[in-house]
Amino acid sequence: MPPRRVITGRSQEPRKRFAEELRLLRTERGDSLRKLGEVLGWDWSLFGKMESGQTLGSPEVVQALDQYYGTPGLLLALWELAVGDPTQFKEQYRRYMMLEAEAVSLWHYGVSRPPGLLQTVGYAREALAAGGIKGQELDQQVEARIGRRKLLDGDDAPPFRGILSEAVLRTPLREVRAWHEQLEYLVEASQRSNVTLHVLPFSAGSHGLASTDLMFLRLLDGRTVAYAENDVRGELVEESSRVERLHRTYDAVRDMALPPAESRKFILRMLEEVPCEPST
């Protein structure tokens, strides 16, 4: 059998392909980055970062580029593939990310941080930077994490139930404004029809998930898998008996948590306690 021909010679990796198409369209048109910025009204450096793969940009920017280049929907489609590309995540998370994207419902317990699906840009950046990630890798990992939030958006979004330990709400970011935005986002998310949030107060006492972040994914084939993570490592659990044991522990913790309405009030109280930034 003869070898398959490479039709375009362009990358098959979604992020790289998106950047390549941006560079190709601009150079074929004969535009400089500065001219592109002047015409479309964004800082030209943004387009440079998009073409080098440092950032994917926003859908608004990509739609403007589609219109400018006369490629209706092409760049936006490539952008959506790049945002959802599991290869942008570290190797140990890729299979989990693929399963998460297919989940028909999700349950989460957080020990000290909000679930990735409900993190703001400011929170994700500080949390990832604290783990030693920096530079272009930090930008890419932040963008990848924030891109996951679209899973919970839209009319067909799967139901999500999250339990937040009180420690999540009492472990602020260094930047006051970013922490305020994160708490506001949790309040907003709790009002969506497909999102249910519980707060587990310190007064609930000891429980079986005191040191373990946990996510359950119910899949299209009816299976449920779990991802358990502590400070040392994370593990994708697919064996049904182990998943069932973890789920019983999760249910016991949920029974100890505040109901959704009281949990929302709890988060609002935490929001009110955030100090005001000094006026400039």
Protein backbone atom coordinates (compact mmCIF):
# COMPACT_ATOMS: atom_id res chain seq x y z
CA MET A 1 0.00 0.00 0.00
CA PRO A 2 1.51 3.37 -0.98
CA PRO A 3 2.12 5.84 1.86
CA ARG A 4 -0.59 8.38 2.54
CA ARG A 5 0.06 11.72 0.91
CA VAL A 6 0.32 14.81 3.06
CA ILE A 7 -2.18 17.18 1.49
CA THR A 8 -1.16 20.50 3.02
CA GLY A 9 1.98 19.74 5.01
CA ARG A 10 0.51 21.72 7.90
CA SER A 11 0.40 20.59 11.50
CA GLN A 12 -2.28 18.17 12.64
CA GLU A 13 -2.08 19.53 16.20
CA PRO A 14 -5.03 21.92 16.70
CA ARG A 15 -3.11 24.70 18.48
CA LYS A 16 -0.26 24.69 15.97
CA ARG A 17 -2.63 24.47 13.01
CA PHE A 18 -4.59 27.48 14.26
CA ALA A 19 -1.40 29.55 14.62
CA GLU A 20 -0.19 28.43 11.19
CA GLU A 21 -3.43 29.46 9.50
CA LEU A 22 -3.28 32.89 11.14
CA ARG A 23 0.27 33.47 9.90
CA LEU A 24 -0.54 32.17 6.42
CA LEU A 25 -3.62 34.35 5.95
CA ARG A 26 -1.81 37.48 7.11
CA THR A 27 1.31 36.94 5.02
CA GLU A 28 -0.74 36.09 1.92
CA ARG A 29 -2.55 39.38 2.37
CA GLY A 30 0.74 41.22 2.82
CA ASP A 31 -0.20 42.78 6.17
CA SER A 32 2.14 43.50 9.02
CA LEU A 33 1.08 42.77 12.58
CA ARG A 34 0.90 46.51 13.24
CA LYS A 35 -1.40 47.08 10.28
CA LEU A 36 -3.64 44.22 11.42
CA GLY A 37 -3.88 45.81 14.85
CA GLU A 38 -4.72 49.22 13.38
CA VAL A 39 -7.44 47.84 11.12
CA LEU A 40 -9.13 45.59 13.69
CA GLY A 41 -8.63 47.78 16.75
CA TRP A 42 -6.65 45.40 18.98
CA ASP A 43 -3.06 45.76 20.12
CA TRP A 44 -0.88 44.27 17.37
CA SER A 45 1.11 42.28 19.94
CA LEU A 46 -1.98 40.13 20.58
CA PHE A 47 -1.90 38.90 16.99
CA GLY A 48 1.81 38.18 17.31
CA LYS A 49 1.17 36.04 20.40
CA MET A 50 -1.65 34.20 18.61
CA GLU A 51 0.57 33.44 15.64
CA SER A 52 3.39 32.19 17.88
CA GLY A 53 1.05 29.95 19.87
CA GLN A 54 1.39 31.86 23.14
CA THR A 55 -2.34 32.55 23.28
CA LEU A 56 -5.48 31.54 21.40
CA GLY A 57 -7.20 34.90 21.78
CA SER A 58 -10.93 35.31 22.35
CA PRO A 59 -13.81 34.25 20.09
CA GLU A 60 -14.53 37.94 19.42
CA VAL A 61 -11.01 38.46 18.05
CA VAL A 62 -11.20 35.29 15.97
CA GLN A 63 -14.59 36.26 14.51
CA ALA A 64 -13.16 39.65 13.55
CA LEU A 65 -10.26 37.91 11.80
CA ASP A 66 -12.65 35.59 9.96
CA GLN A 67 -14.55 38.61 8.69
CA TYR A 68 -11.38 40.49 7.72
CA TYR A 69 -9.86 37.59 5.82
CA GLY A 70 -13.13 36.52 4.21
CA THR A 71 -13.02 33.06 5.81
CA PRO A 72 -16.46 32.87 7.44
CA GLY A 73 -16.34 30.38 10.29
CA LEU A 74 -13.03 28.75 9.32
CA LEU A 75 -10.81 30.38 11.94
CA LEU A 76 -13.50 30.13 14.61
CA ALA A 77 -13.81 26.39 13.93
CA LEU A 78 -10.04 25.96 14.22
CA TRP A 79 -10.07 28.05 17.41
CA GLU A 80 -12.75 25.81 18.96
CA LEU A 81 -10.70 22.71 18.12
CA ALA A 82 -7.60 24.31 19.65
CA VAL A 83 -9.42 25.28 22.86
CA GLY A 84 -10.73 21.73 23.27
CA ASP A 85 -7.47 20.00 22.38
CA PRO A 86 -6.50 17.62 25.24
CA THR A 87 -2.82 17.66 24.20
CA GLN A 88 -2.47 21.13 25.72
CA PHE A 89 -2.77 19.52 29.15
CA LYS A 90 0.03 17.66 30.89
CA GLU A 91 0.25 13.99 29.95
CA GLN A 92 -1.18 12.59 33.19
CA TYR A 93 -4.39 14.63 32.77
CA ARG A 94 -5.09 14.03 29.10
CA ARG A 95 -7.25 10.91 29.38
CA TYR A 96 -9.21 12.52 32.20
CA MET A 97 -9.75 15.67 30.11
CA MET A 98 -11.05 13.59 27.23
CA LEU A 99 -13.52 11.82 29.53
CA GLU A 100 -14.55 15.10 31.17
CA ALA A 101 -15.48 16.53 27.77
CA GLU A 102 -17.79 13.54 27.18
CA ALA A 103 -19.41 13.48 30.63
CA VAL A 104 -23.19 13.73 30.93
CA SER A 105 -22.99 14.77 34.59
CA LEU A 106 -20.22 15.72 37.02
CA TRP A 107 -19.78 15.76 40.81
CA HIS A 108 -16.86 17.46 42.57
CA TYR A 109 -15.43 17.91 46.04
CA GLY A 110 -12.76 20.54 46.65
CA VAL A 111 -10.44 20.56 49.67
CA SER A 112 -8.78 23.97 49.32
CA ARG A 113 -9.47 25.35 45.84
CA PRO A 114 -12.45 25.80 43.52
CA PRO A 115 -12.90 23.19 40.79
CA GLY A 116 -11.04 23.98 37.59
CA LEU A 117 -14.37 24.28 35.76
CA LEU A 118 -15.28 27.24 37.99
CA GLN A 119 -11.96 29.06 38.25
CA THR A 120 -11.41 32.58 36.97
CA VAL A 121 -8.38 33.66 34.96
CA GLY A 122 -6.84 35.36 37.99
CA TYR A 123 -7.28 32.31 40.21
CA ALA A 124 -5.96 29.87 37.61
CA ARG A 125 -2.90 32.02 36.93
CA GLU A 126 -1.91 32.37 40.59
CA ALA A 127 -2.59 28.71 41.36
CA LEU A 128 -0.57 27.43 38.41
CA ALA A 129 2.26 29.91 39.02
CA ALA A 130 2.47 28.69 42.62
CA GLY A 131 3.23 25.25 41.21
CA GLY A 132 6.31 26.58 39.43
CA ILE A 133 4.85 27.06 35.93
CA LYS A 134 5.90 30.28 34.26
CA GLY A 135 6.35 32.08 30.95
CA GLN A 136 4.68 30.77 27.83
CA GLU A 137 3.79 27.46 29.48
CA LEU A 138 1.91 29.36 32.19
CA ASP A 139 -0.04 31.33 29.58
CA GLN A 140 -0.97 28.13 27.76
CA GLN A 141 -1.98 26.24 30.89
CA VAL A 142 -4.14 29.14 32.11
CA GLU A 143 -5.83 29.35 28.74
CA ALA A 144 -6.37 25.59 28.69
CA ARG A 145 -7.92 25.59 32.15
CA ILE A 146 -10.22 28.52 31.41
CA GLY A 147 -11.21 26.91 28.13
CA ARG A 148 -12.70 24.04 30.11
CA ARG A 149 -15.36 26.34 31.54
CA LYS A 150 -17.33 26.23 28.29
CA LEU A 151 -18.28 22.66 29.22
CA LEU A 152 -20.79 24.09 31.71
CA ASP A 153 -22.16 26.76 29.35
CA GLY A 154 -25.09 26.55 26.99
CA ASP A 155 -28.50 24.92 26.95
CA ASP A 156 -27.07 21.40 26.63
CA ALA A 157 -24.49 21.76 29.40
CA PRO A 158 -24.30 18.75 31.74
CA PRO A 159 -25.39 19.07 35.38
CA PHE A 160 -22.57 19.83 37.79
CA ARG A 161 -22.64 19.43 41.58
CA GLY A 162 -19.79 20.78 43.64
CA ILE A 163 -19.00 20.64 47.35
CA LEU A 164 -16.58 23.32 48.55
CA SER A 165 -14.81 22.89 51.84
CA GLU A 166 -14.94 26.10 53.87
CA ALA A 167 -11.17 26.19 53.41
CA VAL A 168 -11.74 26.95 49.71
CA LEU A 169 -13.50 30.17 50.68
CA ARG A 170 -11.00 31.13 53.37
CA THR A 171 -7.85 30.68 51.32
CA PRO A 172 -7.70 33.94 49.35
CA LEU A 173 -5.49 34.94 46.47
CA ARG A 174 -2.75 37.50 47.08
CA GLU A 175 -4.45 39.95 44.75
CA VAL A 176 -7.64 41.25 46.35
CA ARG A 177 -9.40 42.09 43.09
CA ALA A 178 -8.74 38.62 41.64
CA TRP A 179 -10.07 36.97 44.80
CA HIS A 180 -13.18 39.15 44.72
CA GLU A 181 -13.77 38.15 41.09
CA GLN A 182 -13.40 34.46 41.96
CA LEU A 183 -15.98 34.62 44.73
CA GLU A 184 -18.34 36.60 42.49
CA TYR A 185 -17.96 33.95 39.83
CA LEU A 186 -18.89 31.20 42.30
CA VAL A 187 -22.02 33.12 43.27
CA GLU A 188 -22.95 33.61 39.62
CA ALA A 189 -22.30 29.95 38.82
CA SER A 190 -24.45 28.80 41.73
CA GLN A 191 -27.44 30.53 40.13
CA ARG A 192 -27.24 28.54 36.89
CA SER A 193 -29.85 25.86 36.38
CA ASN A 194 -27.25 23.14 35.76
CA VAL A 195 -24.89 24.03 38.64
CA THR A 196 -25.47 23.11 42.29
CA LEU A 197 -22.97 24.23 44.90
CA HIS A 198 -22.70 23.16 48.55
CA VAL A 199 -20.39 24.53 51.22
CA LEU A 200 -19.02 22.11 53.80
CA PRO A 201 -18.40 24.23 56.92
CA PHE A 202 -15.58 23.53 59.35
CA SER A 203 -18.24 22.81 61.96
CA ALA A 204 -19.18 19.62 60.08
CA GLY A 205 -16.13 17.98 61.63
CA SER A 206 -13.96 15.19 60.26
CA HIS A 207 -14.93 13.23 57.16
CA GLY A 208 -13.54 10.82 54.58
CA LEU A 209 -12.37 13.40 52.04
CA ALA A 210 -10.42 15.69 54.35
CA SER A 211 -7.31 15.60 52.13
CA THR A 212 -8.65 14.52 48.73
CA ASP A 213 -10.02 16.52 45.82
CA LEU A 214 -12.48 14.33 43.95
CA MET A 215 -14.36 14.46 40.65
CA PHE A 216 -16.88 11.93 39.34
CA LEU A 217 -17.83 11.76 35.67
CA ARG A 218 -20.88 9.87 34.46
CA LEU A 219 -20.26 8.89 30.86
CA LEU A 220 -22.51 8.26 27.87
CA ASP A 221 -22.18 4.49 28.23
CA GLY A 222 -23.53 4.65 31.79
CA ARG A 223 -20.17 4.15 33.50
CA THR A 224 -18.94 6.46 36.24
CA VAL A 225 -15.24 7.15 36.68
CA ALA A 226 -13.50 9.15 39.38
CA TYR A 227 -10.41 11.33 39.53
CA ALA A 228 -8.87 11.59 43.01
CA GLU A 229 -6.06 14.03 43.72
CA ASN A 230 -4.00 15.04 46.74
CA ASP A 231 -0.87 17.14 47.19
CA VAL A 232 1.33 14.33 45.88
CA ARG A 233 -0.46 12.83 42.89
CA GLY A 234 -3.68 12.34 40.99
CA GLU A 235 -5.28 9.08 39.90
CA LEU A 236 -8.00 8.21 37.41
CA VAL A 237 -10.14 5.49 39.00
CA GLU A 238 -12.17 3.33 36.63
CA GLU A 239 -12.64 0.10 38.59
CA SER A 240 -16.34 0.03 39.47
CA SER A 241 -15.93 -1.23 43.06
CA ARG A 242 -13.43 1.54 43.91
CA VAL A 243 -15.59 4.17 42.24
CA GLU A 244 -18.57 2.97 44.27
CA ARG A 245 -16.65 3.22 47.55
CA LEU A 246 -15.54 6.74 46.72
CA HIS A 247 -19.08 7.68 45.74
CA ARG A 248 -20.45 6.48 49.08
CA THR A 249 -17.86 8.65 50.83
CA TYR A 250 -18.83 11.60 48.64
CA ASP A 251 -22.53 11.12 49.44
CA ALA A 252 -21.74 11.08 53.17
CA VAL A 253 -19.84 14.36 52.83
CA ARG A 254 -22.69 15.91 50.81
CA ASP A 255 -25.10 15.00 53.62
CA MET A 256 -22.91 17.04 56.00
CA ALA A 257 -22.79 20.09 53.73
CA LEU A 258 -25.09 23.11 53.67
CA PRO A 259 -28.00 23.06 51.20
CA PRO A 260 -27.59 25.16 48.04
CA ALA A 261 -29.48 28.26 49.21
CA GLU A 262 -27.56 28.45 52.50
CA SER A 263 -24.32 27.74 50.65
CA ARG A 264 -24.91 30.70 48.32
CA LYS A 265 -25.48 32.93 51.35
CA PHE A 266 -22.27 31.60 52.88
CA ILE A 267 -20.28 32.51 49.76
CA LEU A 268 -21.89 35.95 49.72
CA ARG A 269 -20.79 36.49 53.32
CA MET A 270 -17.25 35.57 52.34
CA LEU A 271 -17.51 38.04 49.46
CA GLU A 272 -18.61 40.80 51.81
CA GLU A 273 -15.57 40.14 54.01
CA VAL A 274 -13.10 40.75 51.19
CA PRO A 275 -11.39 44.07 51.99
CA CYS A 276 -11.91 46.95 49.62
CA GLU A 277 -8.94 47.91 47.51
CA PRO A 278 -7.43 51.28 48.45
CA SER A 279 -8.65 54.07 46.20
CA THR A 280 -6.08 55.59 43.85
